[in-house]
All heavy atoms as atom14 arrays in JSON, in Angstrom:
{
  "sequence": "SPDGVWLALADGSRVLWGSAAGSADKVVVLARLRAAADGRARRFDVSA",
  "atom14_mask": [
    [1, 1, 1, 1, 1, 1, 0, 0, 0, 0, 0, 0, 0, 0],
    [1, 1, 1, 1, 1, 1, 1, 0, 0, 0, 0, 0, 0, 0],
    [1, 1, 1, 1, 1, 1, 1, 1, 0, 0, 0, 0, 0, 0],
    [1, 1, 1, 1, 0, 0, 0, 0, 0, 0, 0, 0, 0, 0],
    [1, 1, 1, 1, 1, 1, 1, 0, 0, 0, 0, 0, 0, 0],
    [1, 1, 1, 1, 1, 1, 1, 1, 1, 1, 1, 1, 1, 1],
    [1, 1, 1, 1, 1, 1, 1, 1, 0, 0, 0, 0, 0, 0],
    [1, 1, 1, 1, 1, 0, 0, 0, 0, 0, 0, 0, 0, 0],
    [1, 1, 1, 1, 1, 1, 1, 1, 0, 0, 0, 0, 0, 0],
    [1, 1, 1, 1, 1, 0, 0, 0, 0, 0, 0, 0, 0, 0],
    [1, 1, 1, 1, 1, 1, 1, 1, 0, 0, 0, 0, 0, 0],
    [1, 1, 1, 1, 0, 0, 0, 0, 0, 0, 0, 0, 0, 0],
    [1, 1, 1, 1, 1, 1, 0, 0, 0, 0, 0, 0, 0, 0],
    [1, 1, 1, 1, 1, 1, 1, 1, 1, 1, 1, 0, 0, 0],
    [1, 1, 1, 1, 1, 1, 1, 0, 0, 0, 0, 0, 0, 0],
    [1, 1, 1, 1, 1, 1, 1, 1, 0, 0, 0, 0, 0, 0],
    [1, 1, 1, 1, 1, 1, 1, 1, 1, 1, 1, 1, 1, 1],
    [1, 1, 1, 1, 0, 0, 0, 0, 0, 0, 0, 0, 0, 0],
    [1, 1, 1, 1, 1, 1, 0, 0, 0, 0, 0, 0, 0, 0],
    [1, 1, 1, 1, 1, 0, 0, 0, 0, 0, 0, 0, 0, 0],
    [1, 1, 1, 1, 1, 0, 0, 0, 0, 0, 0, 0, 0, 0],
    [1, 1, 1, 1, 0, 0, 0, 0, 0, 0, 0, 0, 0, 0],
    [1, 1, 1, 1, 1, 1, 0, 0, 0, 0, 0, 0, 0, 0],
    [1, 1, 1, 1, 1, 0, 0, 0, 0, 0, 0, 0, 0, 0],
    [1, 1, 1, 1, 1, 1, 1, 1, 0, 0, 0, 0, 0, 0],
    [1, 1, 1, 1, 1, 1, 1, 1, 1, 0, 0, 0, 0, 0],
    [1, 1, 1, 1, 1, 1, 1, 0, 0, 0, 0, 0, 0, 0],
    [1, 1, 1, 1, 1, 1, 1, 0, 0, 0, 0, 0, 0, 0],
    [1, 1, 1, 1, 1, 1, 1, 0, 0, 0, 0, 0, 0, 0],
    [1, 1, 1, 1, 1, 1, 1, 1, 0, 0, 0, 0, 0, 0],
    [1, 1, 1, 1, 1, 0, 0, 0, 0, 0, 0, 0, 0, 0],
    [1, 1, 1, 1, 1, 1, 1, 1, 1, 1, 1, 0, 0, 0],
    [1, 1, 1, 1, 1, 1, 1, 1, 0, 0, 0, 0, 0, 0],
    [1, 1, 1, 1, 1, 1, 1, 1, 1, 1, 1, 0, 0, 0],
    [1, 1, 1, 1, 1, 0, 0, 0, 0, 0, 0, 0, 0, 0],
    [1, 1, 1, 1, 1, 0, 0, 0, 0, 0, 0, 0, 0, 0],
    [1, 1, 1, 1, 1, 0, 0, 0, 0, 0, 0, 0, 0, 0],
    [1, 1, 1, 1, 1, 1, 1, 1, 0, 0, 0, 0, 0, 0],
    [1, 1, 1, 1, 0, 0, 0, 0, 0, 0, 0, 0, 0, 0],
    [1, 1, 1, 1, 1, 1, 1, 1, 1, 1, 1, 0, 0, 0],
    [1, 1, 1, 1, 1, 0, 0, 0, 0, 0, 0, 0, 0, 0],
    [1, 1, 1, 1, 1, 1, 1, 1, 1, 1, 1, 0, 0, 0],
    [1, 1, 1, 1, 1, 1, 1, 1, 1, 1, 1, 0, 0, 0],
    [1, 1, 1, 1, 1, 1, 1, 1, 1, 1, 1, 0, 0, 0],
    [1, 1, 1, 1, 1, 1, 1, 1, 0, 0, 0, 0, 0, 0],
    [1, 1, 1, 1, 1, 1, 1, 0, 0, 0, 0, 0, 0, 0],
    [1, 1, 1, 1, 1, 1, 0, 0, 0, 0, 0, 0, 0, 0],
    [1, 1, 1, 1, 1, 0, 0, 0, 0, 0, 0, 0, 0, 0]
  ],
  "atom14_positions": [
    [[-13.35, -9.0, 28.43], [-12.0, -8.31, 28.86], [-11.84, -7.13, 27.9], [-12.63, -7.09, 26.83], [-10.91, -9.38, 28.65], [-10.62, -9.65, 27.34], [0.0, 0.0, 0.0], [0.0, 0.0, 0.0], [0.0, 0.0, 0.0], [0.0, 0.0, 0.0], [0.0, 0.0, 0.0], [0.0, 0.0, 0.0], [0.0, 0.0, 0.0], [0.0, 0.0, 0.0]],
    [[-10.86, -6.31, 28.17], [-10.59, -5.15, 27.1], [-10.26, -5.68, 25.71], [-10.3, -4.92, 24.97], [-9.42, -4.4, 27.84], [-9.58, -4.75, 29.43], [-10.09, -6.2, 29.36], [0.0, 0.0, 0.0], [0.0, 0.0, 0.0], [0.0, 0.0, 0.0], [0.0, 0.0, 0.0], [0.0, 0.0, 0.0], [0.0, 0.0, 0.0], [0.0, 0.0, 0.0]],
    [[-9.79, -6.93, 25.68], [-9.33, -7.38, 24.35], [-10.33, -8.33, 23.82], [-10.13, -8.94, 22.65], [-8.0, -8.23, 24.47], [-6.86, -7.36, 24.92], [-6.81, -6.24, 24.5], [-5.92, -7.75, 25.7], [0.0, 0.0, 0.0], [0.0, 0.0, 0.0], [0.0, 0.0, 0.0], [0.0, 0.0, 0.0], [0.0, 0.0, 0.0], [0.0, 0.0, 0.0]],
    [[-11.52, -8.42, 24.4], [-12.56, -9.38, 23.9], [-13.85, -8.71, 23.63], [-14.88, -9.31, 24.01], [0.0, 0.0, 0.0], [0.0, 0.0, 0.0], [0.0, 0.0, 0.0], [0.0, 0.0, 0.0], [0.0, 0.0, 0.0], [0.0, 0.0, 0.0], [0.0, 0.0, 0.0], [0.0, 0.0, 0.0], [0.0, 0.0, 0.0], [0.0, 0.0, 0.0]],
    [[-13.88, -7.62, 22.96], [-15.14, -6.91, 22.62], [-15.77, -7.64, 21.49], [-15.12, -8.11, 20.48], [-14.75, -5.44, 22.2], [-16.12, -4.71, 21.84], [-14.23, -4.71, 23.42], [0.0, 0.0, 0.0], [0.0, 0.0, 0.0], [0.0, 0.0, 0.0], [0.0, 0.0, 0.0], [0.0, 0.0, 0.0], [0.0, 0.0, 0.0], [0.0, 0.0, 0.0]],
    [[-17.11, -7.74, 21.54], [-17.89, -8.28, 20.57], [-19.05, -7.41, 20.1], [-19.52, -6.63, 20.87], [-18.39, -9.7, 20.91], [-19.11, -9.79, 22.21], [-18.61, -10.09, 23.37], [-20.45, -9.47, 22.36], [-19.58, -9.95, 24.32], [-20.76, -9.65, 23.74], [-21.52, -9.22, 21.54], [-22.09, -9.46, 24.23], [-22.8, -8.9, 22.09], [-23.03, -9.06, 23.45]],
    [[-19.55, -7.74, 18.94], [-20.74, -6.95, 18.48], [-21.81, -7.9, 18.03], [-21.53, -9.0, 17.5], [-20.34, -6.05, 17.21], [-19.1, -5.22, 17.28], [-18.94, -4.59, 15.86], [-19.19, -4.13, 18.32], [0.0, 0.0, 0.0], [0.0, 0.0, 0.0], [0.0, 0.0, 0.0], [0.0, 0.0, 0.0], [0.0, 0.0, 0.0], [0.0, 0.0, 0.0]],
    [[-23.03, -7.47, 18.21], [-24.16, -8.24, 17.7], [-24.99, -7.3, 16.79], [-25.23, -6.15, 17.18], [-25.13, -8.75, 18.84], [0.0, 0.0, 0.0], [0.0, 0.0, 0.0], [0.0, 0.0, 0.0], [0.0, 0.0, 0.0], [0.0, 0.0, 0.0], [0.0, 0.0, 0.0], [0.0, 0.0, 0.0], [0.0, 0.0, 0.0], [0.0, 0.0, 0.0]],
    [[-25.17, -7.72, 15.5], [-25.7, -6.88, 14.53], [-27.25, -7.19, 14.19], [-27.68, -8.36, 14.47], [-24.88, -7.01, 13.27], [-23.35, -6.62, 13.28], [-22.61, -6.74, 12.0], [-23.08, -5.4, 14.03], [0.0, 0.0, 0.0], [0.0, 0.0, 0.0], [0.0, 0.0, 0.0], [0.0, 0.0, 0.0], [0.0, 0.0, 0.0], [0.0, 0.0, 0.0]],
    [[-27.79, -6.33, 13.52], [-29.38, -6.41, 13.39], [-29.66, -7.57, 12.54], [-30.75, -8.06, 12.6], [-29.87, -5.1, 12.85], [0.0, 0.0, 0.0], [0.0, 0.0, 0.0], [0.0, 0.0, 0.0], [0.0, 0.0, 0.0], [0.0, 0.0, 0.0], [0.0, 0.0, 0.0], [0.0, 0.0, 0.0], [0.0, 0.0, 0.0], [0.0, 0.0, 0.0]],
    [[-28.79, -8.08, 11.57], [-29.02, -9.12, 10.66], [-28.87, -10.45, 11.39], [-28.86, -11.57, 10.72], [-28.31, -8.94, 9.44], [-26.76, -9.08, 9.57], [-26.29, -9.23, 10.76], [-26.16, -8.99, 8.43], [0.0, 0.0, 0.0], [0.0, 0.0, 0.0], [0.0, 0.0, 0.0], [0.0, 0.0, 0.0], [0.0, 0.0, 0.0], [0.0, 0.0, 0.0]],
    [[-28.41, -10.52, 12.59], [-28.17, -11.77, 13.33], [-26.63, -12.08, 13.38], [-26.24, -13.04, 13.96], [0.0, 0.0, 0.0], [0.0, 0.0, 0.0], [0.0, 0.0, 0.0], [0.0, 0.0, 0.0], [0.0, 0.0, 0.0], [0.0, 0.0, 0.0], [0.0, 0.0, 0.0], [0.0, 0.0, 0.0], [0.0, 0.0, 0.0], [0.0, 0.0, 0.0]],
    [[-25.76, -11.3, 12.65], [-24.33, -11.56, 12.74], [-23.75, -11.22, 14.03], [-24.33, -10.37, 14.8], [-23.73, -10.67, 11.73], [-24.22, -11.02, 10.33], [0.0, 0.0, 0.0], [0.0, 0.0, 0.0], [0.0, 0.0, 0.0], [0.0, 0.0, 0.0], [0.0, 0.0, 0.0], [0.0, 0.0, 0.0], [0.0, 0.0, 0.0], [0.0, 0.0, 0.0]],
    [[-22.69, -11.88, 14.34], [-21.92, -11.73, 15.54], [-20.55, -11.48, 15.18], [-20.0, -12.37, 14.41], [-22.16, -12.93, 16.6], [-21.6, -12.56, 18.0], [-21.77, -13.61, 18.98], [-21.26, -13.43, 20.26], [-22.0, -12.87, 21.17], [-23.26, -12.53, 21.06], [-21.41, -12.73, 22.4], [0.0, 0.0, 0.0], [0.0, 0.0, 0.0], [0.0, 0.0, 0.0]],
    [[-19.87, -10.45, 15.69], [-18.52, -10.14, 15.31], [-17.56, -10.13, 16.58], [-17.88, -9.42, 17.43], [-18.5, -8.78, 14.7], [-17.1, -8.38, 14.17], [-19.43, -8.69, 13.5], [0.0, 0.0, 0.0], [0.0, 0.0, 0.0], [0.0, 0.0, 0.0], [0.0, 0.0, 0.0], [0.0, 0.0, 0.0], [0.0, 0.0, 0.0], [0.0, 0.0, 0.0]],
    [[-16.46, -10.88, 16.46], [-15.54, -10.79, 17.62], [-14.54, -9.68, 17.1], [-13.95, -9.86, 16.15], [-14.78, -12.15, 17.7], [-13.63, -12.11, 18.71], [-14.12, -11.73, 20.15], [-12.89, -13.47, 18.83], [0.0, 0.0, 0.0], [0.0, 0.0, 0.0], [0.0, 0.0, 0.0], [0.0, 0.0, 0.0], [0.0, 0.0, 0.0], [0.0, 0.0, 0.0]],
    [[-14.51, -8.49, 17.8], [-13.77, -7.46, 17.51], [-12.4, -7.44, 18.13], [-11.55, -6.87, 17.51], [-14.54, -6.2, 17.85], [-14.17, -4.88, 17.18], [-13.28, -3.94, 17.56], [-14.56, -4.42, 15.9], [-13.08, -2.96, 16.78], [-13.82, -3.28, 15.72], [-15.42, -4.92, 14.89], [-14.11, -2.49, 14.46], [-15.7, -4.22, 13.77], [-14.95, -3.06, 13.61]],
    [[-12.27, -7.97, 19.36], [-11.05, -7.87, 20.01], [-10.99, -6.57, 20.83], [-11.9, -6.01, 21.44], [0.0, 0.0, 0.0], [0.0, 0.0, 0.0], [0.0, 0.0, 0.0], [0.0, 0.0, 0.0], [0.0, 0.0, 0.0], [0.0, 0.0, 0.0], [0.0, 0.0, 0.0], [0.0, 0.0, 0.0], [0.0, 0.0, 0.0], [0.0, 0.0, 0.0]],
    [[-9.77, -5.97, 20.84], [-9.63, -4.78, 21.43], [-9.92, -3.46, 20.5], [-10.26, -3.66, 19.32], [-8.02, -4.51, 21.92], [-7.25, -4.27, 20.69], [0.0, 0.0, 0.0], [0.0, 0.0, 0.0], [0.0, 0.0, 0.0], [0.0, 0.0, 0.0], [0.0, 0.0, 0.0], [0.0, 0.0, 0.0], [0.0, 0.0, 0.0], [0.0, 0.0, 0.0]],
    [[-9.87, -2.31, 21.12], [-10.29, -1.15, 20.34], [-9.21, -0.76, 19.44], [-9.38, -0.04, 18.43], [-10.59, 0.01, 21.22], [0.0, 0.0, 0.0], [0.0, 0.0, 0.0], [0.0, 0.0, 0.0], [0.0, 0.0, 0.0], [0.0, 0.0, 0.0], [0.0, 0.0, 0.0], [0.0, 0.0, 0.0], [0.0, 0.0, 0.0], [0.0, 0.0, 0.0]],
    [[-7.93, -1.4, 19.54], [-6.84, -1.04, 18.62], [-7.04, -1.51, 17.16], [-7.57, -2.49, 17.01], [-5.6, -1.6, 19.23], [0.0, 0.0, 0.0], [0.0, 0.0, 0.0], [0.0, 0.0, 0.0], [0.0, 0.0, 0.0], [0.0, 0.0, 0.0], [0.0, 0.0, 0.0], [0.0, 0.0, 0.0], [0.0, 0.0, 0.0], [0.0, 0.0, 0.0]],
    [[-6.75, -0.59, 16.25], [-6.84, -1.0, 14.9], [-8.27, -1.1, 14.36], [-8.54, -1.71, 13.4], [0.0, 0.0, 0.0], [0.0, 0.0, 0.0], [0.0, 0.0, 0.0], [0.0, 0.0, 0.0], [0.0, 0.0, 0.0], [0.0, 0.0, 0.0], [0.0, 0.0, 0.0], [0.0, 0.0, 0.0], [0.0, 0.0, 0.0], [0.0, 0.0, 0.0]],
    [[-9.12, -0.35, 15.06], [-10.57, -0.49, 14.66], [-10.78, -0.02, 13.26], [-11.75, -0.48, 12.51], [-11.43, 0.47, 15.59], [-11.59, -0.33, 16.85], [0.0, 0.0, 0.0], [0.0, 0.0, 0.0], [0.0, 0.0, 0.0], [0.0, 0.0, 0.0], [0.0, 0.0, 0.0], [0.0, 0.0, 0.0], [0.0, 0.0, 0.0], [0.0, 0.0, 0.0]],
    [[-10.11, 1.02, 12.64], [-10.31, 1.5, 11.26], [-9.99, 0.38, 10.35], [-10.71, 0.06, 9.31], [-9.4, 2.63, 10.92], [0.0, 0.0, 0.0], [0.0, 0.0, 0.0], [0.0, 0.0, 0.0], [0.0, 0.0, 0.0], [0.0, 0.0, 0.0], [0.0, 0.0, 0.0], [0.0, 0.0, 0.0], [0.0, 0.0, 0.0], [0.0, 0.0, 0.0]],
    [[-8.94, -0.48, 10.53], [-8.65, -1.59, 9.63], [-9.74, -2.75, 9.83], [-10.17, -3.33, 8.82], [-7.28, -2.15, 10.11], [-6.08, -1.21, 9.83], [-6.33, -0.5, 8.82], [-5.08, -1.42, 10.42], [0.0, 0.0, 0.0], [0.0, 0.0, 0.0], [0.0, 0.0, 0.0], [0.0, 0.0, 0.0], [0.0, 0.0, 0.0], [0.0, 0.0, 0.0]],
    [[-10.15, -2.89, 11.08], [-11.2, -3.94, 11.3], [-12.54, -3.61, 10.67], [-13.29, -4.46, 10.13], [-11.44, -4.2, 12.84], [-10.19, -4.64, 13.49], [-10.4, -4.68, 15.0], [-9.04, -5.18, 15.71], [-9.23, -5.18, 17.22], [0.0, 0.0, 0.0], [0.0, 0.0, 0.0], [0.0, 0.0, 0.0], [0.0, 0.0, 0.0], [0.0, 0.0, 0.0]],
    [[-12.85, -2.37, 10.54], [-14.14, -1.86, 9.86], [-13.97, -2.29, 8.43], [-14.92, -2.81, 7.78], [-14.2, -0.36, 10.01], [-15.35, 0.18, 9.0], [-14.63, 0.06, 11.55], [0.0, 0.0, 0.0], [0.0, 0.0, 0.0], [0.0, 0.0, 0.0], [0.0, 0.0, 0.0], [0.0, 0.0, 0.0], [0.0, 0.0, 0.0], [0.0, 0.0, 0.0]],
    [[-12.81, -2.01, 7.77], [-12.62, -2.36, 6.33], [-12.7, -3.92, 6.08], [-13.42, -4.38, 5.14], [-11.34, -1.81, 5.84], [-11.01, -2.19, 4.38], [-11.27, -0.2, 5.9], [0.0, 0.0, 0.0], [0.0, 0.0, 0.0], [0.0, 0.0, 0.0], [0.0, 0.0, 0.0], [0.0, 0.0, 0.0], [0.0, 0.0, 0.0], [0.0, 0.0, 0.0]],
    [[-11.98, -4.6, 6.97], [-11.91, -6.04, 6.81], [-13.37, -6.66, 6.89], [-13.79, -7.57, 6.27], [-11.03, -6.65, 7.8], [-11.11, -8.21, 7.78], [-9.51, -6.19, 7.44], [0.0, 0.0, 0.0], [0.0, 0.0, 0.0], [0.0, 0.0, 0.0], [0.0, 0.0, 0.0], [0.0, 0.0, 0.0], [0.0, 0.0, 0.0], [0.0, 0.0, 0.0]],
    [[-14.15, -6.18, 7.96], [-15.5, -6.7, 8.16], [-16.36, -6.45, 7.03], [-17.12, -7.32, 6.6], [-16.03, -5.96, 9.5], [-17.48, -6.45, 9.86], [-17.5, -8.07, 10.06], [-17.9, -5.72, 11.05], [0.0, 0.0, 0.0], [0.0, 0.0, 0.0], [0.0, 0.0, 0.0], [0.0, 0.0, 0.0], [0.0, 0.0, 0.0], [0.0, 0.0, 0.0]],
    [[-16.27, -5.25, 6.43], [-17.22, -4.96, 5.33], [-16.82, -5.86, 4.21], [-17.67, -6.5, 3.52], [-16.85, -3.5, 4.74], [0.0, 0.0, 0.0], [0.0, 0.0, 0.0], [0.0, 0.0, 0.0], [0.0, 0.0, 0.0], [0.0, 0.0, 0.0], [0.0, 0.0, 0.0], [0.0, 0.0, 0.0], [0.0, 0.0, 0.0], [0.0, 0.0, 0.0]],
    [[-15.52, -6.25, 3.99], [-15.12, -7.16, 2.81], [-15.64, -8.56, 3.13], [-16.16, -9.28, 2.23], [-13.7, -7.22, 2.69], [-13.11, -5.94, 2.11], [-11.57, -5.71, 2.08], [-11.1, -4.57, 1.47], [-9.8, -4.17, 1.62], [-8.95, -4.91, 2.32], [-9.37, -3.1, 1.04], [0.0, 0.0, 0.0], [0.0, 0.0, 0.0], [0.0, 0.0, 0.0]],
    [[-15.58, -9.0, 4.32], [-15.94, -10.28, 4.74], [-17.39, -10.55, 4.69], [-18.0, -11.57, 4.01], [-15.48, -10.7, 6.22], [-14.09, -10.75, 6.55], [-13.97, -11.02, 8.06], [-13.52, -11.84, 5.76], [0.0, 0.0, 0.0], [0.0, 0.0, 0.0], [0.0, 0.0, 0.0], [0.0, 0.0, 0.0], [0.0, 0.0, 0.0], [0.0, 0.0, 0.0]],
    [[-18.11, -9.56, 5.03], [-19.66, -9.56, 4.85], [-20.21, -9.6, 3.4], [-20.98, -10.31, 3.05], [-20.3, -8.5, 5.58], [-20.06, -8.4, 7.12], [-20.73, -7.3, 7.85], [-22.24, -7.44, 7.93], [-22.95, -6.51, 8.35], [-22.51, -5.35, 8.64], [-24.29, -6.54, 8.36], [0.0, 0.0, 0.0], [0.0, 0.0, 0.0], [0.0, 0.0, 0.0]],
    [[-19.41, -8.81, 2.57], [-19.74, -8.77, 1.15], [-19.44, -10.07, 0.49], [-20.25, -10.49, -0.35], [-19.0, -7.57, 0.52], [0.0, 0.0, 0.0], [0.0, 0.0, 0.0], [0.0, 0.0, 0.0], [0.0, 0.0, 0.0], [0.0, 0.0, 0.0], [0.0, 0.0, 0.0], [0.0, 0.0, 0.0], [0.0, 0.0, 0.0], [0.0, 0.0, 0.0]],
    [[-18.25, -10.68, 0.79], [-17.95, -11.99, 0.27], [-18.75, -13.04, 0.66], [-19.15, -14.03, 0.05], [-16.48, -12.25, 0.58], [0.0, 0.0, 0.0], [0.0, 0.0, 0.0], [0.0, 0.0, 0.0], [0.0, 0.0, 0.0], [0.0, 0.0, 0.0], [0.0, 0.0, 0.0], [0.0, 0.0, 0.0], [0.0, 0.0, 0.0], [0.0, 0.0, 0.0]],
    [[-19.36, -13.07, 2.01], [-20.14, -14.06, 2.57], [-21.55, -14.11, 1.9], [-22.19, -15.05, 1.91], [-20.23, -13.92, 4.02], [0.0, 0.0, 0.0], [0.0, 0.0, 0.0], [0.0, 0.0, 0.0], [0.0, 0.0, 0.0], [0.0, 0.0, 0.0], [0.0, 0.0, 0.0], [0.0, 0.0, 0.0], [0.0, 0.0, 0.0], [0.0, 0.0, 0.0]],
    [[-21.99, -12.89, 1.58], [-23.23, -12.76, 0.89], [-24.5, -13.39, 1.68], [-25.22, -14.2, 1.1], [-23.24, -13.26, -0.64], [-24.33, -12.88, -1.37], [-25.03, -11.91, -1.07], [-24.65, -13.6, -2.39], [0.0, 0.0, 0.0], [0.0, 0.0, 0.0], [0.0, 0.0, 0.0], [0.0, 0.0, 0.0], [0.0, 0.0, 0.0], [0.0, 0.0, 0.0]],
    [[-24.47, -13.26, 2.94], [-25.51, -13.84, 3.75], [-25.3, -15.34, 4.16], [-26.04, -15.9, 4.85], [0.0, 0.0, 0.0], [0.0, 0.0, 0.0], [0.0, 0.0, 0.0], [0.0, 0.0, 0.0], [0.0, 0.0, 0.0], [0.0, 0.0, 0.0], [0.0, 0.0, 0.0], [0.0, 0.0, 0.0], [0.0, 0.0, 0.0], [0.0, 0.0, 0.0]],
    [[-24.15, -15.97, 3.67], [-24.03, -17.36, 4.06], [-23.34, -17.54, 5.25], [-23.23, -18.71, 5.83], [-23.23, -18.06, 2.87], [-23.85, -18.05, 1.56], [-23.05, -18.84, 0.52], [-21.7, -18.37, 0.39], [-21.43, -17.31, -0.57], [-22.43, -16.91, -1.32], [-20.23, -17.12, -0.69], [0.0, 0.0, 0.0], [0.0, 0.0, 0.0], [0.0, 0.0, 0.0]],
    [[-22.79, -16.53, 5.89], [-22.13, -16.61, 7.21], [-22.61, -15.58, 8.12], [-23.01, -14.57, 7.74], [-20.54, -16.6, 6.96], [0.0, 0.0, 0.0], [0.0, 0.0, 0.0], [0.0, 0.0, 0.0], [0.0, 0.0, 0.0], [0.0, 0.0, 0.0], [0.0, 0.0, 0.0], [0.0, 0.0, 0.0], [0.0, 0.0, 0.0], [0.0, 0.0, 0.0]],
    [[-22.52, -15.8, 9.46], [-22.99, -14.9, 10.49], [-22.07, -14.73, 11.55], [-22.33, -14.06, 12.47], [-24.46, -15.29, 10.88], [-25.52, -15.2, 9.89], [-25.84, -13.71, 9.83], [-27.05, -13.48, 9.12], [-27.09, -13.41, 7.69], [-25.91, -13.41, 6.97], [-28.23, -13.2, 7.04], [0.0, 0.0, 0.0], [0.0, 0.0, 0.0], [0.0, 0.0, 0.0]],
    [[-20.83, -15.29, 11.44], [-19.83, -15.12, 12.51], [-18.57, -14.67, 11.84], [-18.0, -15.34, 10.95], [-19.64, -16.49, 13.19], [-20.9, -17.05, 13.86], [-21.15, -16.23, 15.14], [-22.51, -16.85, 15.84], [-23.67, -16.51, 15.61], [-23.94, -15.58, 14.71], [-24.68, -17.17, 16.3], [0.0, 0.0, 0.0], [0.0, 0.0, 0.0], [0.0, 0.0, 0.0]],
    [[-18.14, -13.59, 12.38], [-16.86, -12.97, 11.92], [-15.99, -12.66, 12.87], [-16.33, -12.23, 13.96], [-17.26, -11.66, 11.09], [-18.17, -11.85, 9.98], [-19.56, -11.63, 10.29], [-17.87, -12.25, 8.72], [-20.56, -11.8, 9.27], [-18.78, -12.33, 7.72], [-20.27, -12.18, 8.05], [0.0, 0.0, 0.0], [0.0, 0.0, 0.0], [0.0, 0.0, 0.0]],
    [[-14.76, -12.87, 12.74], [-13.54, -12.69, 13.77], [-12.66, -11.67, 13.05], [-11.86, -12.1, 12.14], [-12.92, -13.91, 14.21], [-11.87, -13.74, 15.26], [-11.6, -12.61, 15.39], [-11.54, -14.73, 15.85], [0.0, 0.0, 0.0], [0.0, 0.0, 0.0], [0.0, 0.0, 0.0], [0.0, 0.0, 0.0], [0.0, 0.0, 0.0], [0.0, 0.0, 0.0]],
    [[-12.64, -10.44, 13.59], [-11.71, -9.45, 12.9], [-10.75, -9.02, 14.01], [-10.02, -8.0, 13.92], [-12.42, -8.2, 12.29], [-13.25, -8.68, 11.12], [-13.29, -7.65, 13.31], [0.0, 0.0, 0.0], [0.0, 0.0, 0.0], [0.0, 0.0, 0.0], [0.0, 0.0, 0.0], [0.0, 0.0, 0.0], [0.0, 0.0, 0.0], [0.0, 0.0, 0.0]],
    [[-10.62, -9.78, 15.16], [-9.74, -9.42, 16.22], [-8.45, -9.29, 15.81], [-7.52, -8.47, 16.29], [-9.87, -10.43, 17.4], [-9.63, -11.7, 16.99], [0.0, 0.0, 0.0], [0.0, 0.0, 0.0], [0.0, 0.0, 0.0], [0.0, 0.0, 0.0], [0.0, 0.0, 0.0], [0.0, 0.0, 0.0], [0.0, 0.0, 0.0], [0.0, 0.0, 0.0]],
    [[-7.88, -10.13, 14.84], [-6.68, -9.9, 14.13], [-6.88, -9.68, 12.64], [-6.97, -10.51, 11.96], [-5.8, -11.2, 14.24], [0.0, 0.0, 0.0], [0.0, 0.0, 0.0], [0.0, 0.0, 0.0], [0.0, 0.0, 0.0], [0.0, 0.0, 0.0], [0.0, 0.0, 0.0], [0.0, 0.0, 0.0], [0.0, 0.0, 0.0], [0.0, 0.0, 0.0]]
  ]
}
């Protein structure tokens, strides 16, 4: 759906992005989550 966009990344991660709104904030949040996870997680939800 327009609010259910997802990404599959080369390292095997999957990201629930949601809508295109607020993408700039989602980019920042995703980078922080991936850095904090340090490879221990592969599922990220930044839709909110």
